[in-house]
N, C-alpha and C. Protein backbone atom coordinates (compact mmCIF):
# COMPACT_ATOMS: atom_id res chain seq x y z
N MET A 1 6.23 -19.13 11.91
CA MET A 1 4.97 -18.97 11.17
C MET A 1 5.09 -17.14 10.82
N SER A 2 4.93 -17.32 9.68
CA SER A 2 5.37 -16.34 9.25
C SER A 2 3.90 -15.09 9.16
N LYS A 3 4.25 -13.37 8.99
CA LYS A 3 3.73 -12.74 9.30
C LYS A 3 3.73 -11.94 7.53
N THR A 4 3.58 -12.30 7.30
CA THR A 4 4.07 -11.75 5.73
C THR A 4 2.53 -10.88 4.86
N ASP A 5 1.62 -12.51 5.46
CA ASP A 5 0.19 -11.73 5.19
C ASP A 5 0.04 -11.42 6.81
N HIS A 6 -0.24 -10.31 6.35
CA HIS A 6 -1.02 -8.97 7.90
C HIS A 6 -1.85 -8.44 7.55
N GLY A 7 -3.33 -9.49 6.58
CA GLY A 7 -3.82 -7.99 6.07
C GLY A 7 -4.05 -7.01 4.56
N ALA A 8 -4.03 -5.78 4.85
CA ALA A 8 -4.08 -4.71 3.38
C ALA A 8 -4.35 -3.67 4.27
N THR A 9 -3.64 -2.69 3.18
CA THR A 9 -4.00 -1.21 3.64
C THR A 9 -5.01 -0.85 2.31
N ASP A 10 -5.70 -0.28 2.59
CA ASP A 10 -7.32 0.14 1.80
C ASP A 10 -6.61 1.86 0.97
N VAL A 11 -7.02 2.03 -0.25
CA VAL A 11 -6.71 3.21 -0.78
C VAL A 11 -8.27 3.52 -1.21
N THR A 12 -8.66 4.70 -0.82
CA THR A 12 -9.80 5.09 -1.22
C THR A 12 -9.97 6.03 -2.35
N ILE A 13 -10.26 5.56 -3.27
CA ILE A 13 -10.02 6.74 -4.48
C ILE A 13 -12.26 6.95 -4.82
N GLY A 14 -12.32 8.26 -4.70
CA GLY A 14 -13.59 8.70 -4.70
C GLY A 14 -14.82 7.38 -3.75
N ALA A 15 -15.59 6.67 -4.92
CA ALA A 15 -16.82 5.63 -4.32
C ALA A 15 -15.70 4.23 -4.22
N GLU A 16 -14.65 4.26 -4.96
CA GLU A 16 -13.95 2.87 -4.69
C GLU A 16 -12.66 2.48 -4.02
N VAL A 17 -13.01 1.48 -2.49
CA VAL A 17 -12.10 0.95 -2.24
C VAL A 17 -10.78 0.12 -2.67
N TYR A 18 -9.85 0.18 -3.33
CA TYR A 18 -8.77 -1.02 -3.46
C TYR A 18 -7.90 -1.40 -1.94
N SER A 19 -8.28 -2.47 -1.88
CA SER A 19 -7.50 -3.30 -1.17
C SER A 19 -5.85 -4.01 -1.75
N LEU A 20 -5.04 -2.47 -0.70
CA LEU A 20 -3.59 -3.68 -2.03
C LEU A 20 -2.96 -4.10 -0.73
N ALA A 21 -2.90 -5.77 -1.42
CA ALA A 21 -2.45 -7.07 -0.17
C ALA A 21 -0.42 -6.99 -0.31
N PHE A 22 -0.13 -7.52 0.58
CA PHE A 22 1.09 -7.92 0.87
C PHE A 22 1.46 -9.25 1.04
N THR A 23 1.39 -9.23 -0.74
CA THR A 23 1.78 -10.54 -0.92
C THR A 23 3.33 -10.13 -1.31
N LEU A 24 4.29 -11.31 -1.50
CA LEU A 24 4.98 -11.67 -2.82
C LEU A 24 5.25 -10.75 -4.17
N LYS A 25 3.62 -11.46 -4.65
CA LYS A 25 3.00 -10.48 -6.02
C LYS A 25 3.86 -9.70 -6.39
N ALA A 26 3.06 -8.62 -5.33
CA ALA A 26 3.25 -7.26 -5.38
C ALA A 26 3.95 -7.12 -5.10
N VAL A 27 4.84 -6.65 -4.60
CA VAL A 27 6.70 -6.47 -4.94
C VAL A 27 7.21 -7.09 -5.55
N LYS A 28 7.62 -7.96 -6.62
CA LYS A 28 7.64 -8.60 -7.85
C LYS A 28 6.92 -7.59 -8.17
N ASN A 29 5.67 -7.62 -8.42
CA ASN A 29 5.88 -6.16 -9.96
C ASN A 29 5.86 -4.85 -10.06
N ILE A 30 6.33 -4.08 -8.25
CA ILE A 30 6.35 -3.45 -7.88
C ILE A 30 7.79 -3.63 -8.84
N GLU A 31 8.67 -4.11 -7.88
CA GLU A 31 10.38 -4.49 -8.59
C GLU A 31 10.56 -3.75 -9.84
N ARG A 32 9.51 -5.07 -10.49
CA ARG A 32 9.39 -4.93 -12.00
C ARG A 32 9.13 -3.83 -12.85
N ARG A 33 8.62 -3.16 -12.43
CA ARG A 33 8.34 -1.61 -12.96
C ARG A 33 9.31 -0.67 -12.09
N PHE A 34 9.62 -0.67 -11.22
CA PHE A 34 10.65 0.61 -11.19
C PHE A 34 11.94 0.20 -10.68
N GLY A 35 12.23 -1.15 -10.30
CA GLY A 35 13.23 -0.81 -10.33
C GLY A 35 13.53 -2.06 -8.53
N GLY A 36 12.43 -1.77 -7.01
CA GLY A 36 12.71 -1.75 -5.98
C GLY A 36 11.67 -0.92 -5.71
N ILE A 37 11.55 -1.16 -3.98
CA ILE A 37 10.67 -0.47 -3.70
C ILE A 37 11.20 0.88 -2.92
N SER A 38 12.04 1.06 -2.63
CA SER A 38 12.97 2.58 -2.86
C SER A 38 12.65 2.98 -4.09
N PRO A 39 12.52 2.98 -5.68
CA PRO A 39 12.71 3.85 -6.24
C PRO A 39 11.25 4.21 -6.79
N ALA A 40 10.71 3.21 -6.02
CA ALA A 40 8.59 2.94 -6.45
C ALA A 40 8.03 4.10 -5.34
N LEU A 41 9.06 4.12 -4.37
CA LEU A 41 8.98 5.35 -3.22
C LEU A 41 8.81 6.29 -3.36
N GLN A 42 10.30 6.27 -4.45
CA GLN A 42 10.66 8.41 -4.32
C GLN A 42 9.78 8.61 -5.64
N GLU A 43 9.29 8.01 -6.03
CA GLU A 43 8.12 8.06 -7.57
C GLU A 43 6.93 8.93 -7.00
N VAL A 44 6.09 7.52 -5.96
CA VAL A 44 4.87 7.79 -5.58
C VAL A 44 5.48 8.83 -4.34
N GLN A 45 6.19 10.06 -3.90
CA GLN A 45 6.82 11.34 -3.06
C GLN A 45 6.79 12.24 -4.55
N LYS A 46 7.07 11.52 -4.94
CA LYS A 46 7.42 12.81 -6.38
C LYS A 46 5.35 12.84 -6.96
N LEU A 47 5.12 12.75 -6.27
CA LEU A 47 3.76 12.69 -6.69
C LEU A 47 2.85 12.49 -8.17
N SER A 48 3.67 11.88 -8.48
CA SER A 48 3.68 11.12 -10.07
C SER A 48 2.21 10.43 -9.80
N LEU A 49 1.64 10.43 -11.18
CA LEU A 49 0.59 9.48 -11.33
C LEU A 49 0.64 8.48 -12.04
N GLY A 50 0.90 8.52 -12.98
CA GLY A 50 1.96 6.77 -12.85
C GLY A 50 2.04 5.89 -11.60
N ALA A 51 2.91 6.55 -11.12
CA ALA A 51 3.69 5.86 -10.68
C ALA A 51 1.55 5.18 -9.29
N ALA A 52 1.54 6.08 -8.99
CA ALA A 52 0.45 5.51 -8.10
C ALA A 52 -0.76 4.66 -8.81
N VAL A 53 -0.89 4.69 -10.07
CA VAL A 53 -1.68 3.53 -10.29
C VAL A 53 -1.34 2.77 -10.63
N ALA A 54 0.64 2.34 -10.57
CA ALA A 54 1.55 0.63 -10.82
C ALA A 54 1.03 0.35 -9.21
N ILE A 55 1.58 1.68 -8.77
CA ILE A 55 0.96 0.72 -7.23
C ILE A 55 -0.15 -0.17 -6.87
N ILE A 56 -0.94 1.20 -7.46
CA ILE A 56 -2.68 0.39 -7.05
C ILE A 56 -2.55 -0.57 -7.43
N ALA A 57 -2.09 -1.27 -9.11
CA ALA A 57 -2.85 -2.05 -9.67
C ALA A 57 -1.74 -3.38 -9.39
N ALA A 58 -1.02 -3.00 -8.58
CA ALA A 58 0.30 -4.03 -8.36
C ALA A 58 -0.43 -4.39 -6.74
N GLY A 59 -1.13 -3.61 -6.25
CA GLY A 59 -0.55 -4.61 -4.98
C GLY A 59 -2.49 -4.65 -4.19
N ALA A 60 -2.87 -4.51 -5.69
CA ALA A 60 -4.29 -4.76 -5.70
C ALA A 60 -5.00 -6.15 -6.36
N GLY A 61 -3.89 -6.73 -7.15
CA GLY A 61 -3.29 -7.60 -8.25
C GLY A 61 -5.20 -7.22 -9.88
N LEU A 62 -4.01 -5.95 -10.52
CA LEU A 62 -5.30 -5.70 -10.80
C LEU A 62 -4.44 -6.04 -12.41
N THR A 63 -5.02 -6.57 -13.22
CA THR A 63 -4.32 -5.82 -14.90
C THR A 63 -5.30 -4.97 -15.00
N LEU A 64 -4.90 -3.81 -15.40
CA LEU A 64 -5.81 -3.32 -16.26
C LEU A 64 -5.23 -2.74 -17.89
N LYS A 65 -6.03 -2.92 -18.66
CA LYS A 65 -6.45 -3.01 -20.49
C LYS A 65 -6.18 -1.06 -20.63
N PRO A 66 -5.54 -0.52 -20.90
CA PRO A 66 -4.95 0.80 -21.19
C PRO A 66 -6.26 1.98 -20.94
N LYS A 67 -7.63 1.56 -21.35
CA LYS A 67 -7.96 2.32 -20.83
C LYS A 67 -8.82 2.73 -19.97
N GLU A 68 -8.96 1.05 -19.07
CA GLU A 68 -8.83 0.93 -17.48
C GLU A 68 -8.06 2.11 -17.09
N VAL A 69 -6.66 1.86 -17.63
CA VAL A 69 -5.76 3.00 -16.63
C VAL A 69 -5.72 3.98 -16.15
N GLU A 70 -6.63 4.50 -18.10
CA GLU A 70 -6.72 6.40 -18.37
C GLU A 70 -7.76 6.48 -17.26
N ALA A 71 -8.58 5.28 -16.24
CA ALA A 71 -10.06 5.35 -16.40
C ALA A 71 -9.30 6.09 -14.45
N LEU A 72 -8.17 4.82 -14.41
CA LEU A 72 -8.37 4.91 -12.49
C LEU A 72 -7.21 6.14 -12.84
N GLU A 73 -6.74 6.78 -14.06
CA GLU A 73 -5.43 8.14 -13.51
C GLU A 73 -6.70 9.09 -13.41
N GLU A 74 -7.58 8.85 -14.08
CA GLU A 74 -8.80 10.24 -13.88
C GLU A 74 -9.46 10.24 -12.25
N GLU A 75 -10.06 8.48 -12.43
CA GLU A 75 -9.96 9.03 -10.72
C GLU A 75 -9.29 9.13 -9.36
N ILE A 76 -8.13 9.25 -9.72
CA ILE A 76 -7.09 10.01 -8.79
C ILE A 76 -6.63 11.43 -8.84
N TYR A 77 -6.80 11.18 -9.86
CA TYR A 77 -6.77 13.18 -10.54
C TYR A 77 -7.73 13.27 -9.62
N GLN A 78 -9.45 13.28 -10.03
CA GLN A 78 -10.83 14.03 -9.36
C GLN A 78 -10.70 13.84 -8.12
N ALA A 79 -10.31 12.51 -7.49
CA ALA A 79 -9.47 11.99 -5.78
C ALA A 79 -8.92 13.33 -5.27
N GLY A 80 -7.73 13.78 -5.79
CA GLY A 80 -6.17 14.25 -5.32
C GLY A 80 -5.07 13.00 -5.35
N ILE A 81 -4.17 13.96 -5.76
CA ILE A 81 -3.29 12.87 -5.65
C ILE A 81 -1.88 12.92 -4.68
N GLY A 82 -2.32 13.91 -3.92
CA GLY A 82 -2.23 14.59 -2.82
C GLY A 82 -3.02 13.56 -1.59
N GLU A 83 -4.20 13.26 -2.00
CA GLU A 83 -5.46 12.30 -0.97
C GLU A 83 -5.01 11.29 -1.16
N VAL A 84 -4.65 9.94 -2.21
CA VAL A 84 -4.10 9.45 -2.81
C VAL A 84 -2.43 8.24 -2.50
N THR A 85 -1.80 9.78 -2.08
CA THR A 85 -0.03 9.56 -2.03
C THR A 85 0.01 8.04 -0.38
N PRO A 86 -0.77 9.75 0.75
CA PRO A 86 -0.13 8.42 1.54
C PRO A 86 -0.23 7.46 1.74
N PRO A 87 -1.41 6.84 1.77
CA PRO A 87 -1.94 5.74 2.08
C PRO A 87 -0.12 4.45 1.17
N LEU A 88 -0.24 5.16 -0.25
CA LEU A 88 0.46 4.21 -0.50
C LEU A 88 1.53 4.66 0.16
N ILE A 89 2.68 5.42 0.53
CA ILE A 89 3.58 5.10 1.09
C ILE A 89 4.05 4.37 2.05
N GLN A 90 3.15 4.00 2.93
CA GLN A 90 2.00 3.63 4.32
C GLN A 90 2.44 1.59 3.27
N TYR A 91 2.00 1.95 2.26
CA TYR A 91 1.69 0.53 1.74
C TYR A 91 3.32 0.28 1.49
N LEU A 92 4.22 0.61 0.64
CA LEU A 92 5.61 1.06 0.28
C LEU A 92 6.69 0.28 1.80
N LEU A 93 6.30 1.20 2.56
CA LEU A 93 7.19 1.12 3.99
C LEU A 93 7.25 -0.38 4.24
N ALA A 94 5.40 -0.72 4.21
CA ALA A 94 5.38 -1.79 5.20
C ALA A 94 5.80 -2.89 4.04
N LEU A 95 5.86 -3.07 2.66
CA LEU A 95 5.68 -3.96 2.23
C LEU A 95 8.04 -4.12 1.92
N LEU A 96 8.36 -2.89 2.80
CA LEU A 96 9.52 -3.55 2.65
C LEU A 96 9.82 -3.89 4.39
N ASN A 97 9.05 -3.81 4.58
CA ASN A 97 9.78 -4.94 6.16
C ASN A 97 7.57 -5.91 6.60
N PRO A 98 7.52 -7.01 5.71
CA PRO A 98 6.43 -7.17 5.94
C PRO A 98 6.49 -8.23 7.04
N ALA A 99 7.56 -8.08 7.92
CA ALA A 99 7.09 -9.24 8.96
C ALA A 99 7.45 -8.64 10.77
N ALA A 100 6.63 -7.28 9.98
CA ALA A 100 6.44 -6.53 11.56
C ALA A 100 5.45 -6.60 11.86
N LYS A 101 5.39 -5.89 13.61
CA LYS A 101 3.91 -6.52 13.20
C LYS A 101 2.35 -5.48 13.36
N THR A 102 1.28 -5.89 13.17
CA THR A 102 0.49 -5.05 12.54
C THR A 102 -0.24 -4.11 14.03
N GLU A 103 -0.86 -3.31 13.18
CA GLU A 103 -1.40 -2.53 14.22
C GLU A 103 -2.45 -3.53 15.48
N GLU A 104 -3.02 -4.20 14.86
CA GLU A 104 -3.57 -4.48 16.31
C GLU A 104 -2.89 -5.86 17.10
N GLU A 105 -1.72 -5.94 16.43
CA GLU A 105 -0.64 -7.17 17.52
C GLU A 105 -0.03 -5.97 18.36
N LEU A 106 0.70 -4.35 17.65
CA LEU A 106 0.90 -3.53 17.87
C LEU A 106 -0.19 -3.25 19.43
N ALA A 107 -1.11 -3.45 19.21
CA ALA A 107 -2.22 -2.55 20.71
C ALA A 107 -2.73 -3.36 21.28
N LYS A 108 -2.48 -4.82 20.80
CA LYS A 108 -2.94 -6.26 21.60
C LYS A 108 -1.06 -6.14 22.83
N ASP A 109 -0.39 -6.15 22.15
CA ASP A 109 0.57 -5.62 22.63
C ASP A 109 0.79 -4.59 24.19
N ALA A 110 0.35 -3.71 24.10
CA ALA A 110 0.28 -2.15 24.41
C ALA A 110 -1.32 -3.00 25.45
N GLU A 111 -2.36 -3.56 25.04
CA GLU A 111 -2.76 -3.58 26.24
C GLU A 111 -1.90 -4.41 27.08
N GLU A 112 -1.56 -5.69 26.69
CA GLU A 112 -0.79 -5.91 28.07
C GLU A 112 0.73 -6.08 28.97
N GLY A 113 0.96 -5.11 27.62
CA GLY A 113 2.74 -4.29 28.76
C GLY A 113 1.37 -3.46 29.99
N ALA A 114 0.85 -3.10 29.61
CA ALA A 114 -0.76 -1.88 30.31
C ALA A 114 -0.62 -3.35 31.43
N GLY A 115 -1.51 -3.38 31.22
CA GLY A 115 -2.03 -4.96 32.50
C GLY A 115 -0.98 -5.49 33.45
N LYS A 116 0.12 -5.54 32.88
CA LYS A 116 1.93 -6.23 33.76
C LYS A 116 1.69 -5.01 34.80
N GLY A 117 1.41 -3.72 33.85
CA GLY A 117 2.44 -2.85 35.09
C GLY A 117 1.50 -2.68 35.89
N LYS A 118 0.27 -2.95 36.17
CA LYS A 118 -1.20 -2.86 37.63
C LYS A 118 -0.84 -3.52 37.78
N LYS A 119 -0.83 -3.13 39.37
CA LYS A 119 -1.12 -4.36 40.59
C LYS A 119 -2.18 -4.65 41.26
């Protein structure tokens, strides 16, 4: 059973919430734009506004027209690029290892482990 579809990372920008999905299509779009996940991560870590927009568009499956790109850039600028960057970094890191356990799976494993330790 594939674990690649284990939810999404939510990025809140102002009043809008963008759900970034863990999909092959998102990975391909990011790789096409940046040349790989690692270069995308480097650009996001540089607090690049353009990189943030591209990651959000790829992860949320958005096809943005130039005016929509400008509007999203403005929203990110107003929200603060420093506030938007951490969930984007988390998302990109998760794309590097999509078969990893989700937070829910880790919590369940911790509960089971704690239950087994008690006698």
